[in-house]
Amino acid sequence: MLREKRIGTMIILIESKDSINRLNSLISKFSNLIIGRQGIPLQERKMSVISLVMEGTVDEIGAFSGQIGRLRGIKIKTALIK
């Protein structure tokens, strides 16, 4: 059975740089899902935002977001469209 691919977006809020190397490693590992990436430094708040546009199955995107969600100092929200 072929799993249906979906378009999704992920907003990643980086509150601490402690996990930035691991985050970048995960983004590289799942780069096959990423259509676009935008990074925005919020220097006055001492944090950064990365927004990703992705295409993949619910399981693929869930595996990616789940690993990011376990990183210290990082918050994530994901939305998928059928």
PDB file of N, CA and C in Angstrom:
ATOM      1  N   MET A   1       0.841  -1.179   0.000  1.00  0.00           N
ATOM      2  CA  MET A   1       0.000   0.000   0.000  1.00  0.00           C
ATOM      3  C   MET A   1       0.892   1.251   0.000  1.00  0.00           C
ATOM      4  N   LEU A   2       0.625   2.141  -0.928  1.00  0.00           N
ATOM      5  CA  LEU A   2       1.374   3.383  -1.039  1.00  0.00           C
ATOM      6  C   LEU A   2       0.816   4.409  -0.059  1.00  0.00           C
ATOM      7  N   ARG A   3       1.673   4.968   0.758  1.00  0.00           N
ATOM      8  CA  ARG A   3       1.248   5.993   1.714  1.00  0.00           C
ATOM      9  C   ARG A   3       1.139   7.329   1.002  1.00  0.00           C
ATOM     10  N   GLU A   4       0.067   8.045   1.299  1.00  0.00           N
ATOM     11  CA  GLU A   4      -0.188   9.345   0.683  1.00  0.00           C
ATOM     12  C   GLU A   4       0.763  10.400   1.231  1.00  0.00           C
ATOM     13  N   LYS A   5       1.390  11.144   0.324  1.00  0.00           N
ATOM     14  CA  LYS A   5       2.256  12.240   0.746  1.00  0.00           C
ATOM     15  C   LYS A   5       1.419  13.479   1.006  1.00  0.00           C
ATOM     16  N   ARG A   6       1.879  14.263   1.949  1.00  0.00           N
ATOM     17  CA  ARG A   6       1.201  15.507   2.309  1.00  0.00           C
ATOM     18  C   ARG A   6       2.206  16.649   2.318  1.00  0.00           C
ATOM     19  N   ILE A   7       1.675  17.837   2.176  1.00  0.00           N
ATOM     20  CA  ILE A   7       2.477  19.048   2.332  1.00  0.00           C
ATOM     21  C   ILE A   7       2.339  19.476   3.791  1.00  0.00           C
ATOM     22  N   GLY A   8       3.433  19.884   4.374  1.00  0.00           N
ATOM     23  CA  GLY A   8       3.396  20.299   5.765  1.00  0.00           C
ATOM     24  C   GLY A   8       4.346  21.447   6.020  1.00  0.00           C
ATOM     25  N   THR A   9       4.161  22.060   7.159  1.00  0.00           N
ATOM     26  CA  THR A   9       5.061  23.112   7.602  1.00  0.00           C
ATOM     27  C   THR A   9       5.454  22.841   9.043  1.00  0.00           C
ATOM     28  N   MET A  10       6.670  23.237   9.354  1.00  0.00           N
ATOM     29  CA  MET A  10       7.192  23.043  10.689  1.00  0.00           C
ATOM     30  C   MET A  10       7.821  24.366  11.125  1.00  0.00           C
ATOM     31  N   ILE A  11       7.438  24.842  12.288  1.00  0.00           N
ATOM     32  CA  ILE A  11       8.036  26.032  12.876  1.00  0.00           C
ATOM     33  C   ILE A  11       8.870  25.569  14.069  1.00  0.00           C
ATOM     34  N   ILE A  12      10.143  25.906  14.051  1.00  0.00           N
ATOM     35  CA  ILE A  12      11.069  25.488  15.096  1.00  0.00           C
ATOM     36  C   ILE A  12      11.570  26.737  15.811  1.00  0.00           C
ATOM     37  N   LEU A  13      11.337  26.816  17.105  1.00  0.00           N
ATOM     38  CA  LEU A  13      11.786  27.934  17.924  1.00  0.00           C
ATOM     39  C   LEU A  13      12.996  27.481  18.723  1.00  0.00           C
ATOM     40  N   ILE A  14      14.121  28.150  18.504  1.00  0.00           N
ATOM     41  CA  ILE A  14      15.366  27.795  19.177  1.00  0.00           C
ATOM     42  C   ILE A  14      15.591  28.794  20.302  1.00  0.00           C
ATOM     43  N   GLU A  15      15.384  28.334  21.526  1.00  0.00           N
ATOM     44  CA  GLU A  15      15.534  29.193  22.699  1.00  0.00           C
ATOM     45  C   GLU A  15      16.918  29.083  23.327  1.00  0.00           C
ATOM     46  N   SER A  16      17.615  28.018  23.009  1.00  0.00           N
ATOM     47  CA  SER A  16      18.949  27.778  23.549  1.00  0.00           C
ATOM     48  C   SER A  16      19.789  27.120  22.460  1.00  0.00           C
ATOM     49  N   LYS A  17      21.051  27.497  22.380  1.00  0.00           N
ATOM     50  CA  LYS A  17      21.928  26.947  21.351  1.00  0.00           C
ATOM     51  C   LYS A  17      22.524  25.600  21.746  1.00  0.00           C
ATOM     52  N   ASP A  18      22.139  25.068  22.893  1.00  0.00           N
ATOM     53  CA  ASP A  18      22.694  23.803  23.375  1.00  0.00           C
ATOM     54  C   ASP A  18      22.503  22.656  22.390  1.00  0.00           C
ATOM     55  N   SER A  19      21.382  22.631  21.682  1.00  0.00           N
ATOM     56  CA  SER A  19      21.055  21.509  20.797  1.00  0.00           C
ATOM     57  C   SER A  19      21.165  21.861  19.315  1.00  0.00           C
ATOM     58  N   ILE A  20      21.771  22.982  18.980  1.00  0.00           N
ATOM     59  CA  ILE A  20      21.780  23.441  17.588  1.00  0.00           C
ATOM     60  C   ILE A  20      22.511  22.464  16.659  1.00  0.00           C
ATOM     61  N   ASN A  21      23.611  21.866  17.126  1.00  0.00           N
ATOM     62  CA  ASN A  21      24.327  20.909  16.268  1.00  0.00           C
ATOM     63  C   ASN A  21      23.479  19.674  15.985  1.00  0.00           C
ATOM     64  N   ARG A  22      22.787  19.198  16.992  1.00  0.00           N
ATOM     65  CA  ARG A  22      21.908  18.026  16.820  1.00  0.00           C
ATOM     66  C   ARG A  22      20.731  18.386  15.909  1.00  0.00           C
ATOM     67  N   LEU A  23      20.175  19.589  16.060  1.00  0.00           N
ATOM     68  CA  LEU A  23      19.082  20.040  15.203  1.00  0.00           C
ATOM     69  C   LEU A  23      19.526  20.079  13.746  1.00  0.00           C
ATOM     70  N   ASN A  24      20.683  20.680  13.475  1.00  0.00           N
ATOM     71  CA  ASN A  24      21.180  20.741  12.109  1.00  0.00           C
ATOM     72  C   ASN A  24      21.451  19.355  11.534  1.00  0.00           C
ATOM     73  N   SER A  25      21.901  18.447  12.372  1.00  0.00           N
ATOM     74  CA  SER A  25      22.119  17.067  11.943  1.00  0.00           C
ATOM     75  C   SER A  25      20.803  16.404  11.535  1.00  0.00           C
ATOM     76  N   LEU A  26      19.741  16.631  12.320  1.00  0.00           N
ATOM     77  CA  LEU A  26      18.427  16.067  11.990  1.00  0.00           C
ATOM     78  C   LEU A  26      17.862  16.682  10.716  1.00  0.00           C
ATOM     79  N   ILE A  27      18.036  17.990  10.540  1.00  0.00           N
ATOM     80  CA  ILE A  27      17.557  18.635   9.315  1.00  0.00           C
ATOM     81  C   ILE A  27      18.273  18.043   8.103  1.00  0.00           C
ATOM     82  N   SER A  28      19.563  17.784   8.218  1.00  0.00           N
ATOM     83  CA  SER A  28      20.306  17.146   7.117  1.00  0.00           C
ATOM     84  C   SER A  28      19.829  15.716   6.884  1.00  0.00           C
ATOM     85  N   LYS A  29      19.606  14.979   7.963  1.00  0.00           N
ATOM     86  CA  LYS A  29      19.158  13.580   7.861  1.00  0.00           C
ATOM     87  C   LYS A  29      17.819  13.474   7.124  1.00  0.00           C
ATOM     88  N   PHE A  30      16.917  14.428   7.374  1.00  0.00           N
ATOM     89  CA  PHE A  30      15.587  14.403   6.773  1.00  0.00           C
ATOM     90  C   PHE A  30      15.452  15.384   5.606  1.00  0.00           C
ATOM     91  N   SER A  31      16.578  15.753   4.997  1.00  0.00           N
ATOM     92  CA  SER A  31      16.560  16.759   3.921  1.00  0.00           C
ATOM     93  C   SER A  31      15.732  16.324   2.713  1.00  0.00           C
ATOM     94  N   ASN A  32      15.539  15.021   2.534  1.00  0.00           N
ATOM     95  CA  ASN A  32      14.716  14.535   1.416  1.00  0.00           C
ATOM     96  C   ASN A  32      13.255  14.966   1.550  1.00  0.00           C
ATOM     97  N   LEU A  33      12.825  15.349   2.742  1.00  0.00           N
ATOM     98  CA  LEU A  33      11.447  15.793   2.969  1.00  0.00           C
ATOM     99  C   LEU A  33      11.291  17.301   2.785  1.00  0.00           C
ATOM    100  N   ILE A  34      12.395  18.041   2.831  1.00  0.00           N
ATOM    101  CA  ILE A  34      12.343  19.502   2.896  1.00  0.00           C
ATOM    102  C   ILE A  34      12.308  20.127   1.508  1.00  0.00           C
ATOM    103  N   ILE A  35      11.277  20.935   1.274  1.00  0.00           N
ATOM    104  CA  ILE A  35      11.122  21.678   0.026  1.00  0.00           C
ATOM    105  C   ILE A  35      11.768  23.054   0.167  1.00  0.00           C
ATOM    106  N   GLY A  36      11.596  23.685   1.335  1.00  0.00           N
ATOM    107  CA  GLY A  36      12.141  25.015   1.580  1.00  0.00           C
ATOM    108  C   GLY A  36      12.447  25.225   3.041  1.00  0.00           C
ATOM    109  N   ARG A  37      13.401  26.122   3.277  1.00  0.00           N
ATOM    110  CA  ARG A  37      13.828  26.412   4.651  1.00  0.00           C
ATOM    111  C   ARG A  37      14.111  27.905   4.770  1.00  0.00           C
ATOM    112  N   GLN A  38      13.670  28.492   5.887  1.00  0.00           N
ATOM    113  CA  GLN A  38      13.943  29.894   6.158  1.00  0.00           C
ATOM    114  C   GLN A  38      14.360  30.022   7.614  1.00  0.00           C
ATOM    115  N   GLY A  39      15.458  30.709   7.858  1.00  0.00           N
ATOM    116  CA  GLY A  39      15.929  30.948   9.211  1.00  0.00           C
ATOM    117  C   GLY A  39      15.829  32.429   9.543  1.00  0.00           C
ATOM    118  N   ILE A  40      15.316  32.728  10.718  1.00  0.00           N
ATOM    119  CA  ILE A  40      15.124  34.117  11.138  1.00  0.00           C
ATOM    120  C   ILE A  40      15.732  34.300  12.531  1.00  0.00           C
ATOM    121  N   PRO A  41      16.822  35.076  12.627  1.00  0.00           N
ATOM    122  CA  PRO A  41      17.370  35.359  13.957  1.00  0.00           C
ATOM    123  C   PRO A  41      16.558  36.462  14.636  1.00  0.00           C
ATOM    124  N   LEU A  42      16.190  36.248  15.871  1.00  0.00           N
ATOM    125  CA  LEU A  42      15.478  37.247  16.668  1.00  0.00           C
ATOM    126  C   LEU A  42      16.430  37.704  17.764  1.00  0.00           C
ATOM    127  N   GLN A  43      17.398  38.510  17.384  1.00  0.00           N
ATOM    128  CA  GLN A  43      18.488  38.880  18.285  1.00  0.00           C
ATOM    129  C   GLN A  43      18.000  39.589  19.540  1.00  0.00           C
ATOM    130  N   GLU A  44      16.991  40.439  19.411  1.00  0.00           N
ATOM    131  CA  GLU A  44      16.494  41.160  20.580  1.00  0.00           C
ATOM    132  C   GLU A  44      15.848  40.219  21.601  1.00  0.00           C
ATOM    133  N   ARG A  45      15.383  39.072  21.150  1.00  0.00           N
ATOM    134  CA  ARG A  45      14.789  38.074  22.064  1.00  0.00           C
ATOM    135  C   ARG A  45      15.758  36.948  22.406  1.00  0.00           C
ATOM    136  N   LYS A  46      16.947  36.990  21.813  1.00  0.00           N
ATOM    137  CA  LYS A  46      17.973  35.957  22.014  1.00  0.00           C
ATOM    138  C   LYS A  46      17.457  34.571  21.660  1.00  0.00           C
ATOM    139  N   MET A  47      16.778  34.480  20.509  1.00  0.00           N
ATOM    140  CA  MET A  47      16.294  33.208  19.994  1.00  0.00           C
ATOM    141  C   MET A  47      16.253  33.273  18.474  1.00  0.00           C
ATOM    142  N   SER A  48      15.984  32.148  17.850  1.00  0.00           N
ATOM    143  CA  SER A  48      15.874  32.061  16.393  1.00  0.00           C
ATOM    144  C   SER A  48      14.682  31.208  16.026  1.00  0.00           C
ATOM    145  N   VAL A  49      14.195  31.413  14.800  1.00  0.00           N
ATOM    146  CA  VAL A  49      13.096  30.617  14.264  1.00  0.00           C
ATOM    147  C   VAL A  49      13.544  30.024  12.931  1.00  0.00           C
ATOM    148  N   ILE A  50      13.263  28.753  12.753  1.00  0.00           N
ATOM    149  CA  ILE A  50      13.450  28.106  11.459  1.00  0.00           C
ATOM    150  C   ILE A  50      12.083  27.636  11.003  1.00  0.00           C
ATOM    151  N   SER A  51      11.712  27.990   9.782  1.00  0.00           N
ATOM    152  CA  SER A  51      10.460  27.466   9.218  1.00  0.00           C
ATOM    153  C   SER A  51      10.822  26.546   8.058  1.00  0.00           C
ATOM    154  N   LEU A  52      10.166  25.394   8.026  1.00  0.00           N
ATOM    155  CA  LEU A  52      10.391  24.406   6.974  1.00  0.00           C
ATOM    156  C   LEU A  52       9.081  24.118   6.262  1.00  0.00           C
ATOM    157  N   VAL A  53       9.143  23.981   4.949  1.00  0.00           N
ATOM    158  CA  VAL A  53       8.024  23.470   4.160  1.00  0.00           C
ATOM    159  C   VAL A  53       8.469  22.094   3.686  1.00  0.00           C
ATOM    160  N   MET A  54       7.601  21.099   3.897  1.00  0.00           N
ATOM    161  CA  MET A  54       7.978  19.712   3.633  1.00  0.00           C
ATOM    162  C   MET A  54       6.932  18.989   2.808  1.00  0.00           C
ATOM    163  N   GLU A  55       7.361  17.872   2.231  1.00  0.00           N
ATOM    164  CA  GLU A  55       6.440  16.941   1.593  1.00  0.00           C
ATOM    165  C   GLU A  55       6.876  15.536   1.978  1.00  0.00           C
ATOM    166  N   GLY A  56       5.946  14.783   2.554  1.00  0.00           N
ATOM    167  CA  GLY A  56       6.245  13.424   2.973  1.00  0.00           C
ATOM    168  C   GLY A  56       5.007  12.771   3.551  1.00  0.00           C
ATOM    169  N   THR A  57       5.148  11.516   3.924  1.00  0.00           N
ATOM    170  CA  THR A  57       4.027  10.819   4.551  1.00  0.00           C
ATOM    171  C   THR A  57       3.881  11.307   5.986  1.00  0.00           C
ATOM    172  N   VAL A  58       2.735  11.030   6.567  1.00  0.00           N
ATOM    173  CA  VAL A  58       2.501  11.397   7.967  1.00  0.00           C
ATOM    174  C   VAL A  58       3.553  10.729   8.853  1.00  0.00           C
ATOM    175  N   ASP A  59       3.893   9.490   8.566  1.00  0.00           N
ATOM    176  CA  ASP A  59       4.889   8.773   9.370  1.00  0.00           C
ATOM    177  C   ASP A  59       6.274   9.410   9.254  1.00  0.00           C
ATOM    178  N   GLU A  60       6.678   9.788   8.047  1.00  0.00           N
ATOM    179  CA  GLU A  60       7.994  10.407   7.843  1.00  0.00           C
ATOM    180  C   GLU A  60       8.101  11.746   8.574  1.00  0.00           C
ATOM    181  N   ILE A  61       7.091  12.589   8.382  1.00  0.00           N
ATOM    182  CA  ILE A  61       7.102  13.904   9.020  1.00  0.00           C
ATOM    183  C   ILE A  61       6.988  13.769  10.534  1.00  0.00           C
ATOM    184  N   GLY A  62       6.204  12.802  10.990  1.00  0.00           N
ATOM    185  CA  GLY A  62       6.076  12.548  12.423  1.00  0.00           C
ATOM    186  C   GLY A  62       7.387  12.085  13.043  1.00  0.00           C
ATOM    187  N   ALA A  63       8.124  11.233  12.345  1.00  0.00           N
ATOM    188  CA  ALA A  63       9.421  10.773  12.848  1.00  0.00           C
ATOM    189  C   ALA A  63      10.395  11.939  12.967  1.00  0.00           C
ATOM    190  N   PHE A  64      10.389  12.801  11.970  1.00  0.00           N
ATOM    191  CA  PHE A  64      11.251  13.982  11.951  1.00  0.00           C
ATOM    192  C   PHE A  64      10.897  14.929  13.095  1.00  0.00           C
ATOM    193  N   SER A  65       9.636  15.293  13.194  1.00  0.00           N
ATOM    194  CA  SER A  65       9.224  16.259  14.227  1.00  0.00           C
ATOM    195  C   SER A  65       9.376  15.678  15.632  1.00  0.00           C
ATOM    196  N   GLY A  66       9.156  14.385  15.777  1.00  0.00           N
ATOM    197  CA  GLY A  66       9.309  13.756  17.084  1.00  0.00           C
ATOM    198  C   GLY A  66      10.733  13.828  17.601  1.00  0.00           C
ATOM    199  N   GLN A  67      11.707  13.615  16.705  1.00  0.00           N
ATOM    200  CA  GLN A  67      13.109  13.691  17.122  1.00  0.00           C
ATOM    201  C   GLN A  67      13.507  15.117  17.477  1.00  0.00           C
ATOM    202  N   ILE A  68      12.999  16.088  16.714  1.00  0.00           N
ATOM    203  CA  ILE A  68      13.297  17.488  17.028  1.00  0.00           C
ATOM    204  C   ILE A  68      12.645  17.880  18.353  1.00  0.00           C
ATOM    205  N   GLY A  69      11.433  17.419  18.583  1.00  0.00           N
ATOM    206  CA  GLY A  69      10.706  17.760  19.802  1.00  0.00           C
ATOM    207  C   GLY A  69      11.368  17.297  21.078  1.00  0.00           C
ATOM    208  N   ARG A  70      12.264  16.339  20.981  1.00  0.00           N
ATOM    209  CA  ARG A  70      12.965  15.840  22.168  1.00  0.00           C
ATOM    210  C   ARG A  70      14.238  16.627  22.487  1.00  0.00           C
ATOM    211  N   LEU A  71      14.596  17.577  21.633  1.00  0.00           N
ATOM    212  CA  LEU A  71      15.819  18.351  21.858  1.00  0.00           C
ATOM    213  C   LEU A  71      15.598  19.420  22.922  1.00  0.00           C
ATOM    214  N   ARG A  72      16.585  19.610  23.770  1.00  0.00           N
ATOM    215  CA  ARG A  72      16.531  20.599  24.851  1.00  0.00           C
ATOM    216  C   ARG A  72      16.625  22.018  24.283  1.00  0.00           C
ATOM    217  N   GLY A  73      15.773  22.919  24.764  1.00  0.00           N
ATOM    218  CA  GLY A  73      15.823  24.314  24.360  1.00  0.00           C
ATOM    219  C   GLY A  73      15.181  24.609  23.015  1.00  0.00           C
ATOM    220  N   ILE A  74      14.421  23.637  22.491  1.00  0.00           N
ATOM    221  CA  ILE A  74      13.791  23.785  21.180  1.00  0.00           C
ATOM    222  C   ILE A  74      12.311  23.435  21.293  1.00  0.00           C
ATOM    223  N   LYS A  75      11.468  24.299  20.718  1.00  0.00           N
ATOM    224  CA  LYS A  75      10.033  24.047  20.658  1.00  0.00           C
ATOM    225  C   LYS A  75       9.643  23.911  19.190  1.00  0.00           C
ATOM    226  N   ILE A  76       8.620  23.116  18.929  1.00  0.00           N
ATOM    227  CA  ILE A  76       8.239  22.838  17.546  1.00  0.00           C
ATOM    228  C   ILE A  76       6.724  22.741  17.399  1.00  0.00           C
ATOM    229  N   LYS A  77       6.222  23.218  16.284  1.00  0.00           N
ATOM    230  CA  LYS A  77       4.818  23.044  15.889  1.00  0.00           C
ATOM    231  C   LYS A  77       4.806  22.589  14.437  1.00  0.00           C
ATOM    232  N   THR A  78       3.960  21.613  14.144  1.00  0.00           N
ATOM    233  CA  THR A  78       3.857  21.077  12.796  1.00  0.00           C
ATOM    234  C   THR A  78       2.407  21.094  12.347  1.00  0.00           C
ATOM    235  N   ALA A  79       2.197  21.424  11.084  1.00  0.00           N
ATOM    236  CA  ALA A  79       0.845  21.383  10.500  1.00  0.00           C
ATOM    237  C   ALA A  79       0.944  20.678   9.153  1.00  0.00           C
ATOM    238  N   LEU A  80      -0.035  19.802   8.879  1.00  0.00           N
ATOM    239  CA  LEU A  80      -0.074  19.065   7.616  1.00  0.00           C
ATOM    240  C   LEU A  80      -1.375  19.360   6.869  1.00  0.00           C
ATOM    241  N   ILE A  81      -1.278  19.366   5.553  1.00  0.00           N
ATOM    242  CA  ILE A  81      -2.451  19.544   4.691  1.00  0.00           C
ATOM    243  C   ILE A  81      -2.563  18.330   3.799  1.00  0.00           C
ATOM    244  N   LYS A  82      -3.777  17.831   3.624  1.00  0.00           N
ATOM    245  CA  LYS A  82      -3.999  16.685   2.744  1.00  0.00           C
ATOM    246  C   LYS A  82      -3.743  17.027   1.309  1.00  0.00           C
TER     247      LYS A  82
END
